[in-house]
Amino acid sequence: TLDEITAERLTSLIGTRAEDKHIEYKQKLPGKDDKAKAEFLKDTTAFANTDGGDIIYGMAEVKGTASKFFPVENRAIDDAKNQLHQILDNGVTPRIPPVDIQPIEIEPGKSVLVVRIPASHLVPHQVTAAHSYRFYGRNTAGTYVIEVDKLRNKILRQASLPERMNDFRRSRVDLIRNHPEDMPSPIEYECKLVVHYMPEQTLGRTGAVDAALLTRRSRNQKG
């Protein structure tokens, strides 16, 4: 998790860790012009459209390998975070599920920003800022424009998600009913309630559900 990242861990990247499918280094935060915004959105959507990853702002690179810190003044961090979230809110469709931005203090009063982009279940995400209207992906060589055939496959796969989730549910219920001996954990035959947990993002929702509400509702029904 982001909370586990320390200054020592980031320092260990210098001279040893190259940019790859899951990490990108940026010496400076994005500027406020359209070109800089489009560049930021290109990188974030590329991660979201692939396997997720981190962008580290305040870390320079030489030939792709982390080389030196250029940390941000702590007093500028809140404005920087607000700016990045605003760019994401206004420049991508559909919106990327929550992107985490964590400052890591490198020296007194100065920090780098780690932007963690999740692998999204709402792919493909399109950059709409600066009239880009492009789709990007990520591989070991960096960010690339997704070709039409691959883009079509992503769209078709996303469109089929609800039906595939229903198929999964039906197959699991059938397994419980007719072949309980094949379940990984023992299932009592008199069991009448089956609950499946699947990412809400697959159905287009990114908000959290308070499990306590379900518990209270269950207790009220029993009473």
C-alpha atoms as a PDB file:
ATOM      1  CA  THR A   1       0.000   0.000   0.000  1.00  0.00           C
ATOM      2  CA  LEU A   2       0.995   3.633  -0.318  1.00  0.00           C
ATOM      3  CA  ASP A   3       1.293   3.917   3.456  1.00  0.00           C
ATOM      4  CA  GLU A   4       4.163   1.423   3.330  1.00  0.00           C
ATOM      5  CA  ILE A   5       6.277   3.568   1.003  1.00  0.00           C
ATOM      6  CA  THR A   6       9.057   5.367   2.876  1.00  0.00           C
ATOM      7  CA  ALA A   7      11.845   7.780   1.981  1.00  0.00           C
ATOM      8  CA  GLU A   8      14.302   4.911   2.424  1.00  0.00           C
ATOM      9  CA  ARG A   9      12.397   2.758  -0.028  1.00  0.00           C
ATOM     10  CA  LEU A  10      12.305   5.517  -2.624  1.00  0.00           C
ATOM     11  CA  THR A  11      16.015   6.188  -2.107  1.00  0.00           C
ATOM     12  CA  SER A  12      16.727   2.534  -2.841  1.00  0.00           C
ATOM     13  CA  LEU A  13      15.282   3.042  -6.343  1.00  0.00           C
ATOM     14  CA  ILE A  14      18.051   5.474  -7.317  1.00  0.00           C
ATOM     15  CA  GLY A  15      20.485   3.824  -9.683  1.00  0.00           C
ATOM     16  CA  THR A  16      18.710   0.474  -9.444  1.00  0.00           C
ATOM     17  CA  ARG A  17      15.105   0.673 -10.647  1.00  0.00           C
ATOM     18  CA  ALA A  18      14.271   1.546 -14.224  1.00  0.00           C
ATOM     19  CA  GLU A  19      10.914   2.699 -15.520  1.00  0.00           C
ATOM     20  CA  ASP A  20       8.789  -0.207 -16.609  1.00  0.00           C
ATOM     21  CA  LYS A  21       5.188  -1.274 -17.043  1.00  0.00           C
ATOM     22  CA  HIS A  22       4.298  -0.232 -13.503  1.00  0.00           C
ATOM     23  CA  ILE A  23       6.422   2.824 -12.678  1.00  0.00           C
ATOM     24  CA  GLU A  24       7.211   6.207 -14.238  1.00  0.00           C
ATOM     25  CA  TYR A  25       9.506   8.992 -12.976  1.00  0.00           C
ATOM     26  CA  LYS A  26       8.849  12.696 -13.429  1.00  0.00           C
ATOM     27  CA  GLN A  27      11.258  15.403 -12.285  1.00  0.00           C
ATOM     28  CA  LYS A  28       8.599  18.122 -12.153  1.00  0.00           C
ATOM     29  CA  LEU A  29       4.877  18.303 -11.533  1.00  0.00           C
ATOM     30  CA  PRO A  30       2.691  18.924 -14.602  1.00  0.00           C
ATOM     31  CA  GLY A  31       2.404  22.538 -15.699  1.00  0.00           C
ATOM     32  CA  LYS A  32      -0.921  24.293 -16.216  1.00  0.00           C
ATOM     33  CA  ASP A  33      -0.866  24.441 -20.012  1.00  0.00           C
ATOM     34  CA  ASP A  34      -2.882  22.026 -22.161  1.00  0.00           C
ATOM     35  CA  LYS A  35       0.177  20.105 -23.351  1.00  0.00           C
ATOM     36  CA  ALA A  36       1.299  19.351 -19.788  1.00  0.00           C
ATOM     37  CA  LYS A  37      -2.210  18.286 -18.782  1.00  0.00           C
ATOM     38  CA  ALA A  38      -2.492  15.979 -21.789  1.00  0.00           C
ATOM     39  CA  GLU A  39       0.873  14.397 -20.918  1.00  0.00           C
ATOM     40  CA  PHE A  40      -0.270  13.699 -17.353  1.00  0.00           C
ATOM     41  CA  LEU A  41      -3.527  12.202 -18.590  1.00  0.00           C
ATOM     42  CA  LYS A  42      -1.700  10.100 -21.158  1.00  0.00           C
ATOM     43  CA  ASP A  43       0.356   8.484 -18.403  1.00  0.00           C
ATOM     44  CA  THR A  44      -2.515   7.995 -15.958  1.00  0.00           C
ATOM     45  CA  THR A  45      -4.925   6.514 -18.505  1.00  0.00           C
ATOM     46  CA  ALA A  46      -2.176   4.233 -19.825  1.00  0.00           C
ATOM     47  CA  PHE A  47      -1.748   2.738 -16.351  1.00  0.00           C
ATOM     48  CA  ALA A  48      -5.509   2.537 -15.771  1.00  0.00           C
ATOM     49  CA  ASN A  49      -6.067   0.845 -19.139  1.00  0.00           C
ATOM     50  CA  THR A  50      -3.412  -1.780 -18.353  1.00  0.00           C
ATOM     51  CA  ASP A  51      -2.374  -3.117 -14.942  1.00  0.00           C
ATOM     52  CA  GLY A  52      -2.155   0.062 -12.859  1.00  0.00           C
ATOM     53  CA  GLY A  53       1.042   1.654 -11.583  1.00  0.00           C
ATOM     54  CA  ASP A  54       2.809   4.580  -9.935  1.00  0.00           C
ATOM     55  CA  ILE A  55       4.020   7.947 -11.189  1.00  0.00           C
ATOM     56  CA  ILE A  56       6.654   9.460  -8.903  1.00  0.00           C
ATOM     57  CA  TYR A  57       6.838  13.241  -9.146  1.00  0.00           C
ATOM     58  CA  GLY A  58      10.074  14.756  -7.870  1.00  0.00           C
ATOM     59  CA  MET A  59      12.291  11.944  -9.131  1.00  0.00           C
ATOM     60  CA  ALA A  60      14.615  12.528 -12.083  1.00  0.00           C
ATOM     61  CA  GLU A  61      15.748   9.707 -14.359  1.00  0.00           C
ATOM     62  CA  VAL A  62      18.731   8.994 -16.583  1.00  0.00           C
ATOM     63  CA  LYS A  63      18.018   6.610 -19.454  1.00  0.00           C
ATOM     64  CA  GLY A  64      14.888   5.524 -17.626  1.00  0.00           C
ATOM     65  CA  THR A  65      16.556   4.730 -14.290  1.00  0.00           C
ATOM     66  CA  ALA A  66      15.827   6.764 -11.151  1.00  0.00           C
ATOM     67  CA  SER A  67      18.749   9.134 -10.586  1.00  0.00           C
ATOM     68  CA  LYS A  68      18.018  12.025  -8.209  1.00  0.00           C
ATOM     69  CA  PHE A  69      15.322  13.641  -6.089  1.00  0.00           C
ATOM     70  CA  PHE A  70      13.823  17.012  -6.985  1.00  0.00           C
ATOM     71  CA  PRO A  71      11.295  17.194  -4.136  1.00  0.00           C
ATOM     72  CA  VAL A  72       8.348  19.560  -3.873  1.00  0.00           C
ATOM     73  CA  GLU A  73       8.007  22.106  -1.079  1.00  0.00           C
ATOM     74  CA  ASN A  74       5.540  20.719   1.465  1.00  0.00           C
ATOM     75  CA  ARG A  75       3.568  23.961   1.469  1.00  0.00           C
ATOM     76  CA  ALA A  76       2.777  23.397  -2.222  1.00  0.00           C
ATOM     77  CA  ILE A  77       1.547  19.808  -1.846  1.00  0.00           C
ATOM     78  CA  ASP A  78      -2.152  20.492  -1.220  1.00  0.00           C
ATOM     79  CA  ASP A  79      -2.386  22.750  -4.271  1.00  0.00           C
ATOM     80  CA  ALA A  80      -0.533  20.160  -6.362  1.00  0.00           C
ATOM     81  CA  LYS A  81      -2.882  17.363  -5.299  1.00  0.00           C
ATOM     82  CA  ASN A  82      -5.950  19.485  -6.015  1.00  0.00           C
ATOM     83  CA  GLN A  83      -4.570  20.400  -9.436  1.00  0.00           C
ATOM     84  CA  LEU A  84      -3.920  16.763 -10.379  1.00  0.00           C
ATOM     85  CA  HIS A  85      -7.364  15.637  -9.250  1.00  0.00           C
ATOM     86  CA  GLN A  86      -8.966  18.499 -11.157  1.00  0.00           C
ATOM     87  CA  ILE A  87      -7.120  17.535 -14.339  1.00  0.00           C
ATOM     88  CA  LEU A  88      -8.300  13.939 -13.923  1.00  0.00           C
ATOM     89  CA  ASP A  89     -11.895  14.990 -13.284  1.00  0.00           C
ATOM     90  CA  ASN A  90     -12.062  17.180 -16.385  1.00  0.00           C
ATOM     91  CA  GLY A  91      -9.849  15.392 -18.898  1.00  0.00           C
ATOM     92  CA  VAL A  92     -10.750  11.685 -18.953  1.00  0.00           C
ATOM     93  CA  THR A  93     -13.820   9.708 -19.960  1.00  0.00           C
ATOM     94  CA  PRO A  94     -15.018   7.620 -18.261  1.00  0.00           C
ATOM     95  CA  ARG A  95     -13.537   8.852 -14.999  1.00  0.00           C
ATOM     96  CA  ILE A  96     -10.803   6.667 -13.521  1.00  0.00           C
ATOM     97  CA  PRO A  97     -11.706   5.005 -10.199  1.00  0.00           C
ATOM     98  CA  PRO A  98     -10.111   6.827  -7.248  1.00  0.00           C
ATOM     99  CA  VAL A  99      -6.481   7.772  -7.856  1.00  0.00           C
ATOM    100  CA  ASP A 100      -4.355   7.998  -4.688  1.00  0.00           C
ATOM    101  CA  ILE A 101      -1.769  10.761  -4.275  1.00  0.00           C
ATOM    102  CA  GLN A 102       0.654  10.349  -1.369  1.00  0.00           C
ATOM    103  CA  PRO A 103       3.442  12.769  -0.367  1.00  0.00           C
ATOM    104  CA  ILE A 104       6.597  11.109   0.961  1.00  0.00           C
ATOM    105  CA  GLU A 105       8.920  13.475   2.844  1.00  0.00           C
ATOM    106  CA  ILE A 106      12.486  13.143   1.569  1.00  0.00           C
ATOM    107  CA  GLU A 107      14.048  15.931   3.586  1.00  0.00           C
ATOM    108  CA  PRO A 108      12.664  18.435   6.090  1.00  0.00           C
ATOM    109  CA  GLY A 109       9.998  20.506   4.385  1.00  0.00           C
ATOM    110  CA  LYS A 110      10.232  18.714   1.016  1.00  0.00           C
ATOM    111  CA  SER A 111       8.500  15.663  -0.421  1.00  0.00           C
ATOM    112  CA  VAL A 112       7.972  13.679  -3.578  1.00  0.00           C
ATOM    113  CA  LEU A 113       4.449  12.797  -4.703  1.00  0.00           C
ATOM    114  CA  VAL A 114       3.551   9.206  -5.502  1.00  0.00           C
ATOM    115  CA  VAL A 115       0.486   9.006  -7.727  1.00  0.00           C
ATOM    116  CA  ARG A 116      -1.003   5.516  -7.648  1.00  0.00           C
ATOM    117  CA  ILE A 117      -3.342   4.650 -10.515  1.00  0.00           C
ATOM    118  CA  PRO A 118      -5.427   1.498 -10.109  1.00  0.00           C
ATOM    119  CA  ALA A 119      -6.019  -1.021 -12.856  1.00  0.00           C
ATOM    120  CA  SER A 120      -9.508   0.015 -13.916  1.00  0.00           C
ATOM    121  CA  HIS A 121     -12.588  -2.108 -14.546  1.00  0.00           C
ATOM    122  CA  LEU A 122     -14.047   0.685 -16.664  1.00  0.00           C
ATOM    123  CA  VAL A 123     -11.553   0.483 -19.521  1.00  0.00           C
ATOM    124  CA  PRO A 124     -10.885   1.891 -21.968  1.00  0.00           C
ATOM    125  CA  HIS A 125     -10.330   5.408 -20.628  1.00  0.00           C
ATOM    126  CA  GLN A 126      -9.932   8.158 -23.214  1.00  0.00           C
ATOM    127  CA  VAL A 127      -7.971  11.390 -22.889  1.00  0.00           C
ATOM    128  CA  THR A 128     -10.321  14.228 -23.818  1.00  0.00           C
ATOM    129  CA  ALA A 129      -8.199  17.193 -22.694  1.00  0.00           C
ATOM    130  CA  ALA A 130      -6.510  19.369 -25.314  1.00  0.00           C
ATOM    131  CA  HIS A 131      -8.638  17.691 -28.011  1.00  0.00           C
ATOM    132  CA  SER A 132      -6.528  14.553 -27.770  1.00  0.00           C
ATOM    133  CA  TYR A 133      -9.295  11.911 -27.874  1.00  0.00           C
ATOM    134  CA  ARG A 134      -6.740   9.105 -27.729  1.00  0.00           C
ATOM    135  CA  PHE A 135      -6.508   5.853 -25.807  1.00  0.00           C
ATOM    136  CA  TYR A 136      -3.220   4.764 -24.248  1.00  0.00           C
ATOM    137  CA  GLY A 137      -1.783   1.569 -22.825  1.00  0.00           C
ATOM    138  CA  ARG A 138       1.376   0.641 -20.961  1.00  0.00           C
ATOM    139  CA  ASN A 139       4.092  -1.979 -21.467  1.00  0.00           C
ATOM    140  CA  THR A 140       7.710  -2.487 -20.389  1.00  0.00           C
ATOM    141  CA  ALA A 141       8.844   0.099 -22.940  1.00  0.00           C
ATOM    142  CA  GLY A 142       6.483   2.778 -21.615  1.00  0.00           C
ATOM    143  CA  THR A 143       3.273   4.407 -22.838  1.00  0.00           C
ATOM    144  CA  TYR A 144       1.838   3.758 -26.300  1.00  0.00           C
ATOM    145  CA  VAL A 145      -1.280   4.570 -28.326  1.00  0.00           C
ATOM    146  CA  ILE A 146      -3.693   1.633 -28.334  1.00  0.00           C
ATOM    147  CA  GLU A 147      -4.307   0.350 -31.856  1.00  0.00           C
ATOM    148  CA  VAL A 148      -7.836   0.010 -33.215  1.00  0.00           C
ATOM    149  CA  ASP A 149      -7.976  -3.801 -32.995  1.00  0.00           C
ATOM    150  CA  LYS A 150      -6.813  -3.871 -29.372  1.00  0.00           C
ATOM    151  CA  LEU A 151      -9.134  -1.019 -28.523  1.00  0.00           C
ATOM    152  CA  ARG A 152     -12.070  -2.924 -30.018  1.00  0.00           C
ATOM    153  CA  ASN A 153     -11.198  -5.972 -27.903  1.00  0.00           C
ATOM    154  CA  LYS A 154     -11.120  -3.874 -24.728  1.00  0.00           C
ATOM    155  CA  ILE A 155     -14.494  -2.313 -25.506  1.00  0.00           C
ATOM    156  CA  LEU A 156     -16.106  -5.659 -26.295  1.00  0.00           C
ATOM    157  CA  ARG A 157     -14.658  -7.219 -23.164  1.00  0.00           C
ATOM    158  CA  GLN A 158     -15.999  -4.366 -21.030  1.00  0.00           C
ATOM    159  CA  ALA A 159     -19.420  -4.585 -22.661  1.00  0.00           C
ATOM    160  CA  SER A 160     -19.637  -8.300 -21.848  1.00  0.00           C
ATOM    161  CA  LEU A 161     -18.708  -7.916 -18.163  1.00  0.00           C
ATOM    162  CA  PRO A 162     -22.257  -7.919 -16.692  1.00  0.00           C
ATOM    163  CA  GLU A 163     -23.164 -11.102 -18.558  1.00  0.00           C
ATOM    164  CA  ARG A 164     -19.908 -12.782 -17.533  1.00  0.00           C
ATOM    165  CA  MET A 165     -20.616 -11.849 -13.920  1.00  0.00           C
ATOM    166  CA  ASN A 166     -24.079 -13.401 -14.202  1.00  0.00           C
ATOM    167  CA  ASP A 167     -22.590 -16.519 -15.746  1.00  0.00           C
ATOM    168  CA  PHE A 168     -20.159 -16.764 -12.841  1.00  0.00           C
ATOM    169  CA  ARG A 169     -22.976 -16.404 -10.325  1.00  0.00           C
ATOM    170  CA  ARG A 170     -25.122 -19.030 -12.060  1.00  0.00           C
ATOM    171  CA  SER A 171     -22.246 -21.502 -12.281  1.00  0.00           C
ATOM    172  CA  ARG A 172     -21.388 -21.090  -8.591  1.00  0.00           C
ATOM    173  CA  VAL A 173     -24.992 -21.525  -7.492  1.00  0.00           C
ATOM    174  CA  ASP A 174     -25.263 -24.652  -9.639  1.00  0.00           C
ATOM    175  CA  LEU A 175     -22.069 -25.992  -8.076  1.00  0.00           C
ATOM    176  CA  ILE A 176     -23.384 -25.406  -4.550  1.00  0.00           C
ATOM    177  CA  ARG A 177     -26.716 -27.025  -5.339  1.00  0.00           C
ATOM    178  CA  ASN A 178     -25.580 -30.043  -7.300  1.00  0.00           C
ATOM    179  CA  HIS A 179     -21.919 -30.668  -6.445  1.00  0.00           C
ATOM    180  CA  PRO A 180     -21.218 -29.325  -2.947  1.00  0.00           C
ATOM    181  CA  GLU A 181     -18.430 -31.872  -2.577  1.00  0.00           C
ATOM    182  CA  ASP A 182     -16.421 -29.918  -5.184  1.00  0.00           C
ATOM    183  CA  MET A 183     -16.520 -26.663  -3.224  1.00  0.00           C
ATOM    184  CA  PRO A 184     -13.210 -25.509  -1.686  1.00  0.00           C
ATOM    185  CA  SER A 185     -14.949 -25.233   1.717  1.00  0.00           C
ATOM    186  CA  PRO A 186     -17.685 -27.471   3.157  1.00  0.00           C
ATOM    187  CA  ILE A 187     -21.202 -26.232   2.348  1.00  0.00           C
ATOM    188  CA  GLU A 188     -24.223 -27.216   4.413  1.00  0.00           C
ATOM    189  CA  TYR A 189     -27.046 -28.545   2.295  1.00  0.00           C
ATOM    190  CA  GLU A 190     -29.658 -26.478   4.147  1.00  0.00           C
ATOM    191  CA  CYS A 191     -27.851 -23.289   3.180  1.00  0.00           C
ATOM    192  CA  LYS A 192     -30.366 -20.954   1.498  1.00  0.00           C
ATOM    193  CA  LEU A 193     -28.451 -17.699   1.113  1.00  0.00           C
ATOM    194  CA  VAL A 194     -25.576 -17.300  -1.349  1.00  0.00           C
ATOM    195  CA  VAL A 195     -23.617 -14.026  -1.398  1.00  0.00           C
ATOM    196  CA  HIS A 196     -21.082 -13.245  -4.127  1.00  0.00           C
ATOM    197  CA  TYR A 197     -18.514 -10.484  -3.736  1.00  0.00           C
ATOM    198  CA  MET A 198     -17.400  -8.941  -7.018  1.00  0.00           C
ATOM    199  CA  PRO A 199     -15.825  -5.510  -7.678  1.00  0.00           C
ATOM    200  CA  GLU A 200     -18.516  -2.850  -8.000  1.00  0.00           C
ATOM    201  CA  GLN A 201     -16.319  -1.092 -10.554  1.00  0.00           C
ATOM    202  CA  THR A 202     -17.232  -3.784 -13.085  1.00  0.00           C
ATOM    203  CA  LEU A 203     -20.761  -2.384 -13.118  1.00  0.00           C
ATOM    204  CA  GLY A 204     -19.642   1.227 -13.315  1.00  0.00           C
ATOM    205  CA  ARG A 205     -19.751   2.116  -9.617  1.00  0.00           C
ATOM    206  CA  THR A 206     -16.716   3.450  -7.778  1.00  0.00           C
ATOM    207  CA  GLY A 207     -18.217   4.309  -4.390  1.00  0.00           C
ATOM    208  CA  ALA A 208     -17.700   2.254  -1.261  1.00  0.00           C
ATOM    209  CA  VAL A 209     -20.403   0.274   0.520  1.00  0.00           C
ATOM    210  CA  ASP A 210     -20.624   0.398   4.311  1.00  0.00           C
ATOM    211  CA  ALA A 211     -20.766  -3.255   5.362  1.00  0.00           C
ATOM    212  CA  ALA A 212     -22.148  -2.194   8.754  1.00  0.00           C
ATOM    213  CA  LEU A 213     -25.397  -1.222   7.028  1.00  0.00           C
ATOM    214  CA  LEU A 214     -25.804  -4.771   5.773  1.00  0.00           C
ATOM    215  CA  THR A 215     -25.156  -6.146   9.259  1.00  0.00           C
ATOM    216  CA  ARG A 216     -27.737  -3.868  10.860  1.00  0.00           C
ATOM    217  CA  ARG A 217     -30.284  -4.715   8.198  1.00  0.00           C
ATOM    218  CA  SER A 218     -29.724  -8.420   8.749  1.00  0.00           C
ATOM    219  CA  ARG A 219     -30.192  -8.026  12.514  1.00  0.00           C
ATOM    220  CA  ASN A 220     -33.393  -6.033  12.042  1.00  0.00           C
ATOM    221  CA  GLN A 221     -34.831  -8.695   9.773  1.00  0.00           C
ATOM    222  CA  LYS A 222     -34.059 -11.408  12.310  1.00  0.00           C
ATOM    223  CA  GLY A 223     -35.768  -9.418  15.039  1.00  0.00           C
END
